[in-house]
Amino acid sequence: MSSKSYWYDVASGQVLTADTREGEAWLGPFGTPEEAEEAPATFIAMANAWLSSEEGERYLAMARDEAGDLGLDGLA
């Protein structure tokens, strides 16, 4: 098994290895290039699952309140 790690560069949409990674706009580490390539979808699914949880609902309600307070009702 390889100990190489892979990262998803958010700015470029490219999969990088640890030795080619620059900046701070990346997600990872992942065990395979395929997992890294799926990073945006994976993180969105995880965020949606968390927001649907009891713990996440509390923060989602706070965000909706803030959006309304800022006049961003369409985002709430």
PDB file of N, CA and C in Angstrom:
ATOM      1  N   MET A   1       0.841  -1.195   0.000  1.00  0.00           N
ATOM      2  CA  MET A   1       0.000   0.000   0.000  1.00  0.00           C
ATOM      3  C   MET A   1       0.879   1.250   0.000  1.00  0.00           C
ATOM      4  N   SER A   2       0.505   2.223  -0.778  1.00  0.00           N
ATOM      5  CA  SER A   2       1.283   3.449  -0.907  1.00  0.00           C
ATOM      6  C   SER A   2       0.970   4.399   0.238  1.00  0.00           C
ATOM      7  N   SER A   3       1.993   5.099   0.712  1.00  0.00           N
ATOM      8  CA  SER A   3       1.776   6.101   1.754  1.00  0.00           C
ATOM      9  C   SER A   3       1.659   7.491   1.139  1.00  0.00           C
ATOM     10  N   LYS A   4       1.585   7.563  -0.176  1.00  0.00           N
ATOM     11  CA  LYS A   4       1.458   8.838  -0.874  1.00  0.00           C
ATOM     12  C   LYS A   4       0.076   9.432  -0.590  1.00  0.00           C
ATOM     13  N   SER A   5       0.025  10.727  -0.376  1.00  0.00           N
ATOM     14  CA  SER A   5      -1.258  11.386  -0.136  1.00  0.00           C
ATOM     15  C   SER A   5      -1.571  12.325  -1.290  1.00  0.00           C
ATOM     16  N   TYR A   6      -2.852  12.526  -1.497  1.00  0.00           N
ATOM     17  CA  TYR A   6      -3.345  13.357  -2.600  1.00  0.00           C
ATOM     18  C   TYR A   6      -4.232  14.439  -2.037  1.00  0.00           C
ATOM     19  N   TRP A   7      -4.240  15.583  -2.731  1.00  0.00           N
ATOM     20  CA  TRP A   7      -4.950  16.766  -2.279  1.00  0.00           C
ATOM     21  C   TRP A   7      -5.730  17.349  -3.450  1.00  0.00           C
ATOM     22  N   TYR A   8      -6.849  17.984  -3.169  1.00  0.00           N
ATOM     23  CA  TYR A   8      -7.648  18.655  -4.193  1.00  0.00           C
ATOM     24  C   TYR A   8      -7.407  20.149  -4.070  1.00  0.00           C
ATOM     25  N   ASP A   9      -6.908  20.755  -5.129  1.00  0.00           N
ATOM     26  CA  ASP A   9      -6.655  22.198  -5.154  1.00  0.00           C
ATOM     27  C   ASP A   9      -7.959  22.907  -5.519  1.00  0.00           C
ATOM     28  N   VAL A  10      -8.523  23.617  -4.570  1.00  0.00           N
ATOM     29  CA  VAL A  10      -9.815  24.280  -4.758  1.00  0.00           C
ATOM     30  C   VAL A  10      -9.745  25.357  -5.834  1.00  0.00           C
ATOM     31  N   ALA A  11      -8.638  26.054  -5.911  1.00  0.00           N
ATOM     32  CA  ALA A  11      -8.496  27.149  -6.877  1.00  0.00           C
ATOM     33  C   ALA A  11      -8.413  26.643  -8.313  1.00  0.00           C
ATOM     34  N   SER A  12      -7.679  25.558  -8.538  1.00  0.00           N
ATOM     35  CA  SER A  12      -7.458  25.082  -9.908  1.00  0.00           C
ATOM     36  C   SER A  12      -8.306  23.881 -10.292  1.00  0.00           C
ATOM     37  N   GLY A  13      -8.844  23.168  -9.289  1.00  0.00           N
ATOM     38  CA  GLY A  13      -9.610  21.954  -9.569  1.00  0.00           C
ATOM     39  C   GLY A  13      -8.732  20.758  -9.887  1.00  0.00           C
ATOM     40  N   GLN A  14      -7.443  20.866  -9.627  1.00  0.00           N
ATOM     41  CA  GLN A  14      -6.513  19.783  -9.930  1.00  0.00           C
ATOM     42  C   GLN A  14      -6.221  18.948  -8.689  1.00  0.00           C
ATOM     43  N   VAL A  15      -5.862  17.685  -8.930  1.00  0.00           N
ATOM     44  CA  VAL A  15      -5.405  16.799  -7.867  1.00  0.00           C
ATOM     45  C   VAL A  15      -3.898  16.941  -7.772  1.00  0.00           C
ATOM     46  N   LEU A  16      -3.402  17.142  -6.551  1.00  0.00           N
ATOM     47  CA  LEU A  16      -1.977  17.337  -6.312  1.00  0.00           C
ATOM     48  C   LEU A  16      -1.462  16.286  -5.341  1.00  0.00           C
ATOM     49  N   THR A  17      -0.177  16.064  -5.371  1.00  0.00           N
ATOM     50  CA  THR A  17       0.466  15.237  -4.356  1.00  0.00           C
ATOM     51  C   THR A  17       1.055  16.168  -3.310  1.00  0.00           C
ATOM     52  N   ALA A  18       1.420  15.607  -2.174  1.00  0.00           N
ATOM     53  CA  ALA A  18       1.945  16.428  -1.077  1.00  0.00           C
ATOM     54  C   ALA A  18       3.161  17.237  -1.514  1.00  0.00           C
ATOM     55  N   ASP A  19       3.989  16.662  -2.382  1.00  0.00           N
ATOM     56  CA  ASP A  19       5.200  17.374  -2.788  1.00  0.00           C
ATOM     57  C   ASP A  19       4.958  18.451  -3.847  1.00  0.00           C
ATOM     58  N   THR A  20       3.769  18.487  -4.457  1.00  0.00           N
ATOM     59  CA  THR A  20       3.471  19.527  -5.452  1.00  0.00           C
ATOM     60  C   THR A  20       2.450  20.540  -4.946  1.00  0.00           C
ATOM     61  N   ARG A  21       1.993  20.339  -3.731  1.00  0.00           N
ATOM     62  CA  ARG A  21       0.954  21.200  -3.157  1.00  0.00           C
ATOM     63  C   ARG A  21       1.545  22.533  -2.741  1.00  0.00           C
ATOM     64  N   GLU A  22       0.879  23.614  -3.147  1.00  0.00           N
ATOM     65  CA  GLU A  22       1.287  24.967  -2.756  1.00  0.00           C
ATOM     66  C   GLU A  22       0.071  25.718  -2.240  1.00  0.00           C
ATOM     67  N   GLY A  23       0.299  26.785  -1.541  1.00  0.00           N
ATOM     68  CA  GLY A  23      -0.788  27.628  -1.059  1.00  0.00           C
ATOM     69  C   GLY A  23      -1.599  26.949   0.025  1.00  0.00           C
ATOM     70  N   GLU A  24      -2.803  27.474   0.234  1.00  0.00           N
ATOM     71  CA  GLU A  24      -3.657  26.968   1.308  1.00  0.00           C
ATOM     72  C   GLU A  24      -5.059  26.626   0.835  1.00  0.00           C
ATOM     73  N   ALA A  25      -5.288  26.630  -0.469  1.00  0.00           N
ATOM     74  CA  ALA A  25      -6.634  26.396  -0.993  1.00  0.00           C
ATOM     75  C   ALA A  25      -6.783  24.956  -1.472  1.00  0.00           C
ATOM     76  N   TRP A  26      -6.681  24.006  -0.524  1.00  0.00           N
ATOM     77  CA  TRP A  26      -6.796  22.613  -0.911  1.00  0.00           C
ATOM     78  C   TRP A  26      -7.555  21.828   0.152  1.00  0.00           C
ATOM     79  N   LEU A  27      -8.049  20.682  -0.259  1.00  0.00           N
ATOM     80  CA  LEU A  27      -8.756  19.763   0.628  1.00  0.00           C
ATOM     81  C   LEU A  27      -7.983  18.452   0.652  1.00  0.00           C
ATOM     82  N   GLY A  28      -7.882  17.841   1.799  1.00  0.00           N
ATOM     83  CA  GLY A  28      -7.211  16.559   1.889  1.00  0.00           C
ATOM     84  C   GLY A  28      -6.589  16.381   3.251  1.00  0.00           C
ATOM     85  N   PRO A  29      -5.865  15.314   3.417  1.00  0.00           N
ATOM     86  CA  PRO A  29      -5.347  14.405   2.401  1.00  0.00           C
ATOM     87  C   PRO A  29      -6.323  13.276   2.076  1.00  0.00           C
ATOM     88  N   PHE A  30      -6.122  12.692   0.916  1.00  0.00           N
ATOM     89  CA  PHE A  30      -6.876  11.538   0.455  1.00  0.00           C
ATOM     90  C   PHE A  30      -5.901  10.430   0.088  1.00  0.00           C
ATOM     91  N   GLY A  31      -6.378   9.202   0.127  1.00  0.00           N
ATOM     92  CA  GLY A  31      -5.528   8.058  -0.133  1.00  0.00           C
ATOM     93  C   GLY A  31      -5.283   7.760  -1.594  1.00  0.00           C
ATOM     94  N   THR A  32      -6.207   8.222  -2.461  1.00  0.00           N
ATOM     95  CA  THR A  32      -6.056   7.966  -3.895  1.00  0.00           C
ATOM     96  C   THR A  32      -6.376   9.233  -4.677  1.00  0.00           C
ATOM     97  N   PRO A  33      -5.887   9.323  -5.916  1.00  0.00           N
ATOM     98  CA  PRO A  33      -6.237  10.481  -6.741  1.00  0.00           C
ATOM     99  C   PRO A  33      -7.739  10.568  -6.996  1.00  0.00           C
ATOM    100  N   GLU A  34      -8.395   9.413  -7.105  1.00  0.00           N
ATOM    101  CA  GLU A  34      -9.840   9.397  -7.360  1.00  0.00           C
ATOM    102  C   GLU A  34     -10.614   9.993  -6.190  1.00  0.00           C
ATOM    103  N   GLU A  35     -10.205   9.652  -4.971  1.00  0.00           N
ATOM    104  CA  GLU A  35     -10.857  10.231  -3.790  1.00  0.00           C
ATOM    105  C   GLU A  35     -10.655  11.744  -3.757  1.00  0.00           C
ATOM    106  N   ALA A  36      -9.454  12.192  -4.078  1.00  0.00           N
ATOM    107  CA  ALA A  36      -9.171  13.628  -4.086  1.00  0.00           C
ATOM    108  C   ALA A  36     -10.009  14.339  -5.142  1.00  0.00           C
ATOM    109  N   GLU A  37     -10.169  13.713  -6.300  1.00  0.00           N
ATOM    110  CA  GLU A  37     -10.958  14.311  -7.378  1.00  0.00           C
ATOM    111  C   GLU A  37     -12.419  14.486  -6.982  1.00  0.00           C
ATOM    112  N   GLU A  38     -12.909  13.612  -6.119  1.00  0.00           N
ATOM    113  CA  GLU A  38     -14.295  13.680  -5.651  1.00  0.00           C
ATOM    114  C   GLU A  38     -14.460  14.555  -4.414  1.00  0.00           C
ATOM    115  N   ALA A  39     -13.406  15.237  -3.991  1.00  0.00           N
ATOM    116  CA  ALA A  39     -13.426  16.016  -2.756  1.00  0.00           C
ATOM    117  C   ALA A  39     -14.578  17.019  -2.667  1.00  0.00           C
ATOM    118  N   PRO A  40     -14.830  17.822  -3.695  1.00  0.00           N
ATOM    119  CA  PRO A  40     -15.939  18.785  -3.547  1.00  0.00           C
ATOM    120  C   PRO A  40     -17.280  18.104  -3.276  1.00  0.00           C
ATOM    121  N   ALA A  41     -17.580  17.057  -4.012  1.00  0.00           N
ATOM    122  CA  ALA A  41     -18.852  16.352  -3.807  1.00  0.00           C
ATOM    123  C   ALA A  41     -18.894  15.696  -2.430  1.00  0.00           C
ATOM    124  N   THR A  42     -17.763  15.143  -1.993  1.00  0.00           N
ATOM    125  CA  THR A  42     -17.694  14.508  -0.677  1.00  0.00           C
ATOM    126  C   THR A  42     -17.939  15.523   0.427  1.00  0.00           C
ATOM    127  N   PHE A  43     -17.288  16.674   0.338  1.00  0.00           N
ATOM    128  CA  PHE A  43     -17.446  17.693   1.372  1.00  0.00           C
ATOM    129  C   PHE A  43     -18.851  18.282   1.373  1.00  0.00           C
ATOM    130  N   ILE A  44     -19.453  18.456   0.210  1.00  0.00           N
ATOM    131  CA  ILE A  44     -20.832  18.957   0.135  1.00  0.00           C
ATOM    132  C   ILE A  44     -21.782  17.950   0.775  1.00  0.00           C
ATOM    133  N   ALA A  45     -21.589  16.669   0.479  1.00  0.00           N
ATOM    134  CA  ALA A  45     -22.448  15.633   1.071  1.00  0.00           C
ATOM    135  C   ALA A  45     -22.296  15.609   2.591  1.00  0.00           C
ATOM    136  N   MET A  46     -21.070  15.732   3.070  1.00  0.00           N
ATOM    137  CA  MET A  46     -20.833  15.748   4.515  1.00  0.00           C
ATOM    138  C   MET A  46     -21.455  16.982   5.158  1.00  0.00           C
ATOM    139  N   ALA A  47     -21.332  18.130   4.511  1.00  0.00           N
ATOM    140  CA  ALA A  47     -21.917  19.363   5.050  1.00  0.00           C
ATOM    141  C   ALA A  47     -23.440  19.273   5.082  1.00  0.00           C
ATOM    142  N   ASN A  48     -24.028  18.743   4.019  1.00  0.00           N
ATOM    143  CA  ASN A  48     -25.485  18.595   3.991  1.00  0.00           C
ATOM    144  C   ASN A  48     -25.971  17.639   5.072  1.00  0.00           C
ATOM    145  N   ALA A  49     -25.236  16.551   5.270  1.00  0.00           N
ATOM    146  CA  ALA A  49     -25.613  15.600   6.324  1.00  0.00           C
ATOM    147  C   ALA A  49     -25.530  16.273   7.689  1.00  0.00           C
ATOM    148  N   TRP A  50     -24.478  17.063   7.897  1.00  0.00           N
ATOM    149  CA  TRP A  50     -24.330  17.743   9.178  1.00  0.00           C
ATOM    150  C   TRP A  50     -25.435  18.781   9.372  1.00  0.00           C
ATOM    151  N   LEU A  51     -25.746  19.545   8.324  1.00  0.00           N
ATOM    152  CA  LEU A  51     -26.798  20.556   8.438  1.00  0.00           C
ATOM    153  C   LEU A  51     -28.156  19.926   8.699  1.00  0.00           C
ATOM    154  N   SER A  52     -28.343  18.703   8.264  1.00  0.00           N
ATOM    155  CA  SER A  52     -29.604  17.994   8.488  1.00  0.00           C
ATOM    156  C   SER A  52     -29.676  17.386   9.883  1.00  0.00           C
ATOM    157  N   SER A  53     -28.566  17.371  10.587  1.00  0.00           N
ATOM    158  CA  SER A  53     -28.542  16.794  11.928  1.00  0.00           C
ATOM    159  C   SER A  53     -29.098  17.790  12.937  1.00  0.00           C
ATOM    160  N   GLU A  54     -29.371  17.298  14.115  1.00  0.00           N
ATOM    161  CA  GLU A  54     -29.879  18.161  15.175  1.00  0.00           C
ATOM    162  C   GLU A  54     -28.874  19.261  15.524  1.00  0.00           C
ATOM    163  N   GLU A  55     -27.598  18.908  15.583  1.00  0.00           N
ATOM    164  CA  GLU A  55     -26.560  19.890  15.890  1.00  0.00           C
ATOM    165  C   GLU A  55     -26.462  20.945  14.791  1.00  0.00           C
ATOM    166  N   GLY A  56     -26.497  20.525  13.542  1.00  0.00           N
ATOM    167  CA  GLY A  56     -26.383  21.449  12.422  1.00  0.00           C
ATOM    168  C   GLY A  56     -27.578  22.375  12.301  1.00  0.00           C
ATOM    169  N   GLU A  57     -28.741  21.883  12.651  1.00  0.00           N
ATOM    170  CA  GLU A  57     -29.964  22.696  12.535  1.00  0.00           C
ATOM    171  C   GLU A  57     -29.873  23.956  13.382  1.00  0.00           C
ATOM    172  N   ARG A  58     -29.233  23.853  14.528  1.00  0.00           N
ATOM    173  CA  ARG A  58     -29.083  25.024  15.404  1.00  0.00           C
ATOM    174  C   ARG A  58     -28.269  26.113  14.693  1.00  0.00           C
ATOM    175  N   TYR A  59     -27.183  25.726  14.024  1.00  0.00           N
ATOM    176  CA  TYR A  59     -26.352  26.693  13.318  1.00  0.00           C
ATOM    177  C   TYR A  59     -27.034  27.211  12.052  1.00  0.00           C
ATOM    178  N   LEU A  60     -27.771  26.352  11.389  1.00  0.00           N
ATOM    179  CA  LEU A  60     -28.510  26.773  10.205  1.00  0.00           C
ATOM    180  C   LEU A  60     -29.561  27.814  10.586  1.00  0.00           C
ATOM    181  N   ALA A  61     -30.220  27.623  11.711  1.00  0.00           N
ATOM    182  CA  ALA A  61     -31.203  28.605  12.189  1.00  0.00           C
ATOM    183  C   ALA A  61     -30.526  29.939  12.500  1.00  0.00           C
ATOM    184  N   MET A  62     -29.335  29.887  13.105  1.00  0.00           N
ATOM    185  CA  MET A  62     -28.614  31.129  13.387  1.00  0.00           C
ATOM    186  C   MET A  62     -28.229  31.833  12.090  1.00  0.00           C
ATOM    187  N   ALA A  63     -27.814  31.084  11.085  1.00  0.00           N
ATOM    188  CA  ALA A  63     -27.442  31.679   9.799  1.00  0.00           C
ATOM    189  C   ALA A  63     -28.651  32.317   9.135  1.00  0.00           C
ATOM    190  N   ARG A  64     -29.804  31.665   9.225  1.00  0.00           N
ATOM    191  CA  ARG A  64     -31.027  32.242   8.656  1.00  0.00           C
ATOM    192  C   ARG A  64     -31.388  33.538   9.355  1.00  0.00           C
ATOM    193  N   ASP A  65     -31.262  33.564  10.671  1.00  0.00           N
ATOM    194  CA  ASP A  65     -31.543  34.788  11.431  1.00  0.00           C
ATOM    195  C   ASP A  65     -30.601  35.911  11.015  1.00  0.00           C
ATOM    196  N   GLU A  66     -29.312  35.605  10.890  1.00  0.00           N
ATOM    197  CA  GLU A  66     -28.328  36.607  10.471  1.00  0.00           C
ATOM    198  C   GLU A  66     -28.636  37.126   9.072  1.00  0.00           C
ATOM    199  N   ALA A  67     -29.008  36.239   8.158  1.00  0.00           N
ATOM    200  CA  ALA A  67     -29.324  36.653   6.791  1.00  0.00           C
ATOM    201  C   ALA A  67     -30.500  37.619   6.801  1.00  0.00           C
ATOM    202  N   GLY A  68     -31.503  37.326   7.614  1.00  0.00           N
ATOM    203  CA  GLY A  68     -32.652  38.218   7.711  1.00  0.00           C
ATOM    204  C   GLY A  68     -32.273  39.565   8.307  1.00  0.00           C
ATOM    205  N   ASP A  69     -31.427  39.544   9.336  1.00  0.00           N
ATOM    206  CA  ASP A  69     -30.963  40.780   9.966  1.00  0.00           C
ATOM    207  C   ASP A  69     -30.161  41.652   9.009  1.00  0.00           C
ATOM    208  N   LEU A  70     -29.488  41.019   8.055  1.00  0.00           N
ATOM    209  CA  LEU A  70     -28.665  41.750   7.092  1.00  0.00           C
ATOM    210  C   LEU A  70     -29.437  42.138   5.838  1.00  0.00           C
ATOM    211  N   GLY A  71     -30.725  41.822   5.796  1.00  0.00           N
ATOM    212  CA  GLY A  71     -31.534  42.143   4.636  1.00  0.00           C
ATOM    213  C   GLY A  71     -31.307  41.168   3.484  1.00  0.00           C
ATOM    214  N   LEU A  72     -30.834  39.991   3.799  1.00  0.00           N
ATOM    215  CA  LEU A  72     -30.582  38.966   2.775  1.00  0.00           C
ATOM    216  C   LEU A  72     -31.633  37.870   2.867  1.00  0.00           C
ATOM    217  N   ASP A  73     -32.882  38.276   2.954  1.00  0.00           N
ATOM    218  CA  ASP A  73     -33.978  37.332   3.150  1.00  0.00           C
ATOM    219  C   ASP A  73     -34.036  36.256   2.079  1.00  0.00           C
ATOM    220  N   GLY A  74     -33.620  36.564   0.852  1.00  0.00           N
ATOM    221  CA  GLY A  74     -33.629  35.573  -0.219  1.00  0.00           C
ATOM    222  C   GLY A  74     -32.655  34.435   0.024  1.00  0.00           C
ATOM    223  N   LEU A  75     -31.674  34.655   0.906  1.00  0.00           N
ATOM    224  CA  LEU A  75     -30.700  33.613   1.203  1.00  0.00           C
ATOM    225  C   LEU A  75     -31.117  32.760   2.385  1.00  0.00           C
ATOM    226  N   ALA A  76     -32.090  33.232   3.116  1.00  0.00           N
ATOM    227  CA  ALA A  76     -32.470  32.535   4.344  1.00  0.00           C
ATOM    228  C   ALA A  76     -33.338  31.334   4.074  1.00  0.00           C
TER     229      ALA A  76
END
